[in-house]
Amino acid sequence: MGTTRKTITLTDQQDSWVKAQIAAGQFTNDSEYFRDLIRRDQAGQADIESIRAALIEGEQSGESQRFDNSHFKQEMAAKHADKIR
């Protein structure tokens, strides 16, 4: 896997934060910290896309039907009656 060198500008507060994470042993250097942030962002975006796809699938599945709680309980009681005794 190739690498690309990037130059970024941080505020003093941000730089102190990164240095503190390294000093605490969370990361060995600045690059490792930033790669971790990017990986987390990528994972978060993948989660968002998965949720978005599920919502679209749900919307396209048709009209929802009202849930009959008492009917469901009756069905489950009948289905599992032998396990309750």
Protein backbone atom coordinates (compact mmCIF):
# COMPACT_ATOMS: atom_id res chain seq x y z
CA MET A 1 0.00 0.00 0.00
CA GLY A 2 1.45 3.34 -1.01
CA THR A 3 1.58 6.36 1.21
CA THR A 4 1.16 10.06 0.59
CA ARG A 5 2.67 12.80 2.71
CA LYS A 6 0.22 15.50 3.82
CA THR A 7 0.79 18.76 5.60
CA ILE A 8 -1.89 19.91 8.03
CA THR A 9 -2.27 22.95 10.23
CA LEU A 10 -3.54 22.63 13.80
CA THR A 11 -4.32 25.14 16.48
CA ASP A 12 -2.05 25.07 19.53
CA GLN A 13 -4.87 23.45 21.50
CA GLN A 14 -5.33 20.73 18.88
CA ASP A 15 -1.58 20.08 18.75
CA SER A 16 -1.50 19.77 22.53
CA TRP A 17 -4.36 17.30 22.39
CA VAL A 18 -2.59 15.10 19.84
CA LYS A 19 0.64 15.23 21.84
CA ALA A 20 -1.26 14.28 24.99
CA GLN A 21 -2.76 11.23 23.25
CA ILE A 22 0.72 10.16 22.19
CA ALA A 23 2.16 10.80 25.66
CA ALA A 24 -0.64 8.71 27.19
CA GLY A 25 0.45 5.80 25.03
CA GLN A 26 -2.65 5.78 22.87
CA PHE A 27 -0.60 6.30 19.71
CA THR A 28 3.09 6.20 18.83
CA ASN A 29 3.10 9.30 16.61
CA ASP A 30 0.95 11.96 14.96
CA SER A 31 0.40 9.95 11.79
CA GLU A 32 -0.94 6.97 13.68
CA TYR A 33 -3.40 9.23 15.48
CA PHE A 34 -4.68 10.79 12.27
CA ARG A 35 -4.95 7.43 10.48
CA ASP A 36 -7.03 6.18 13.42
CA LEU A 37 -9.34 9.20 13.10
CA ILE A 38 -9.75 8.52 9.38
CA ARG A 39 -10.50 4.82 9.98
CA ARG A 40 -13.13 5.75 12.57
CA ASP A 41 -14.68 8.26 10.20
CA GLN A 42 -14.76 5.69 7.41
CA ALA A 43 -16.43 3.14 9.71
CA GLY A 44 -18.95 5.76 10.83
CA GLN A 45 -19.79 6.63 7.23
CA ALA A 46 -20.22 2.94 6.41
CA ASP A 47 -22.63 2.62 9.36
CA ILE A 48 -24.60 5.63 8.15
CA GLU A 49 -24.84 4.20 4.63
CA SER A 50 -26.02 0.86 6.02
CA ILE A 51 -28.71 2.57 8.10
CA ARG A 52 -29.73 4.72 5.14
CA ALA A 53 -30.07 1.62 2.93
CA ALA A 54 -32.18 -0.13 5.59
CA LEU A 55 -34.45 2.91 5.89
CA ILE A 56 -34.91 3.07 2.13
CA GLU A 57 -35.66 -0.67 2.05
CA GLY A 58 -38.23 -0.18 4.80
CA GLU A 59 -39.87 2.74 3.01
CA GLN A 60 -40.08 0.75 -0.22
CA SER A 61 -41.52 -2.35 1.46
CA GLY A 62 -45.02 -0.93 1.46
CA GLU A 63 -47.51 0.31 3.97
CA SER A 64 -47.06 -0.81 7.54
CA GLN A 65 -49.75 -2.79 9.28
CA ARG A 66 -51.02 -2.15 12.76
CA PHE A 67 -49.51 -4.54 15.30
CA ASP A 68 -52.08 -6.48 17.31
CA ASN A 69 -50.34 -7.11 20.63
CA SER A 70 -53.06 -9.34 22.12
CA HIS A 71 -53.21 -11.49 18.98
CA PHE A 72 -49.41 -11.85 19.03
CA LYS A 73 -49.47 -12.91 22.68
CA GLN A 74 -52.17 -15.49 21.95
CA GLU A 75 -50.16 -16.90 19.03
CA MET A 76 -46.99 -17.12 21.11
CA ALA A 77 -48.80 -18.71 24.05
CA ALA A 78 -50.31 -21.34 21.75
CA LYS A 79 -47.02 -21.93 19.96
CA HIS A 80 -45.01 -22.32 23.15
CA ALA A 81 -47.66 -23.85 25.43
CA ASP A 82 -45.74 -27.12 25.72
CA LYS A 83 -42.66 -25.27 27.04
CA ILE A 84 -44.55 -23.38 29.74
CA ARG A 85 -45.90 -26.41 31.58
